[in-house]
Amino acid sequence: MTTKALFCPTCRKVVLATDPDFPFCSDRCRILDLGAWASGGYIISSPIHDPDLLDELEGLKNRDRRDTNDSDG
């Protein structure tokens, strides 16, 4: 059986699928990647196709607008 090797998404070092921090080469790279997600460094750019979720997001956006307008005056 062959072991699949990939590259660490953070530092590009070769990582084996059997490594304990897979797909990262180390805990440090895992934490750096998590920090990039948490700070908005990564985004998911595919559009939302779920109509229920779109309606919910639109409702939240409208609610935020009302709250902002209510606090103006």
Protein backbone atom coordinates (compact mmCIF):
# COMPACT_ATOMS: atom_id res chain seq x y z
CA MET A 1 0.00 0.00 0.00
CA THR A 2 1.36 3.42 -0.91
CA THR A 3 1.18 6.42 1.37
CA LYS A 4 -0.16 9.56 -0.23
CA ALA A 5 1.95 12.71 0.15
CA LEU A 6 0.60 16.24 -0.15
CA PHE A 7 1.94 19.71 0.56
CA CYS A 8 1.25 21.62 3.76
CA PRO A 9 -1.18 24.41 2.80
CA THR A 10 0.74 26.90 4.96
CA CYS A 11 4.44 26.31 4.22
CA ARG A 12 4.28 23.90 1.25
CA LYS A 13 6.44 21.25 2.98
CA VAL A 14 5.72 17.65 1.95
CA VAL A 15 3.34 15.94 4.39
CA LEU A 16 2.39 12.28 4.44
CA ALA A 17 -1.23 11.27 5.00
CA THR A 18 -0.07 9.26 8.01
CA ASP A 19 1.50 12.28 9.76
CA PRO A 20 -0.30 13.28 13.00
CA ASP A 21 -0.89 16.89 11.90
CA PHE A 22 -2.07 16.00 8.37
CA PRO A 23 -2.81 17.94 6.18
CA PHE A 24 -0.43 20.32 7.95
CA CYS A 25 3.24 19.60 8.67
CA SER A 26 3.05 20.89 12.26
CA ASP A 27 0.77 22.33 14.89
CA ARG A 28 2.32 25.75 14.15
CA CYS A 29 1.13 25.63 10.52
CA ARG A 30 -2.32 24.45 11.65
CA ILE A 31 -2.62 27.44 14.02
CA LEU A 32 -1.39 29.89 11.37
CA ASP A 33 -4.04 28.57 8.98
CA LEU A 34 -6.76 28.87 11.63
CA GLY A 35 -5.65 32.44 12.31
CA ALA A 36 -5.92 33.29 8.62
CA TRP A 37 -9.51 32.00 8.58
CA ALA A 38 -10.39 33.83 11.80
CA SER A 39 -8.98 37.14 10.58
CA GLY A 40 -10.80 36.96 7.24
CA GLY A 41 -7.67 36.16 5.26
CA TYR A 42 -9.51 33.38 3.43
CA ILE A 43 -12.94 33.63 1.83
CA ILE A 44 -15.27 31.16 0.19
CA SER A 45 -16.29 32.71 -3.08
CA SER A 46 -18.95 30.34 -4.38
CA PRO A 47 -22.46 31.82 -4.50
CA ILE A 48 -25.17 30.67 -2.11
CA HIS A 49 -27.81 28.59 -3.91
CA ASP A 50 -30.01 27.63 -0.94
CA PRO A 51 -33.18 29.79 -1.23
CA ASP A 52 -34.01 29.44 2.50
CA LEU A 53 -30.54 30.63 3.50
CA LEU A 54 -30.73 33.53 1.03
CA ASP A 55 -34.07 34.61 2.54
CA GLU A 56 -32.63 34.38 6.05
CA LEU A 57 -29.57 36.45 5.11
CA GLU A 58 -31.74 39.05 3.38
CA GLY A 59 -33.89 39.28 6.51
CA LEU A 60 -30.81 39.84 8.68
CA LYS A 61 -29.57 42.56 6.34
CA ASN A 62 -32.95 44.32 6.42
CA ARG A 63 -33.09 44.04 10.23
CA ASP A 64 -29.63 45.61 10.54
CA ARG A 65 -30.73 48.51 8.32
CA ARG A 66 -33.81 49.11 10.50
CA ASP A 67 -31.74 48.98 13.67
CA THR A 68 -29.30 51.52 12.24
CA ASN A 69 -32.10 53.84 11.14
CA ASP A 70 -33.88 53.53 14.52
CA SER A 71 -30.74 54.59 16.38
CA ASP A 72 -30.29 57.70 14.20
CA GLY A 73 -33.19 59.58 15.53
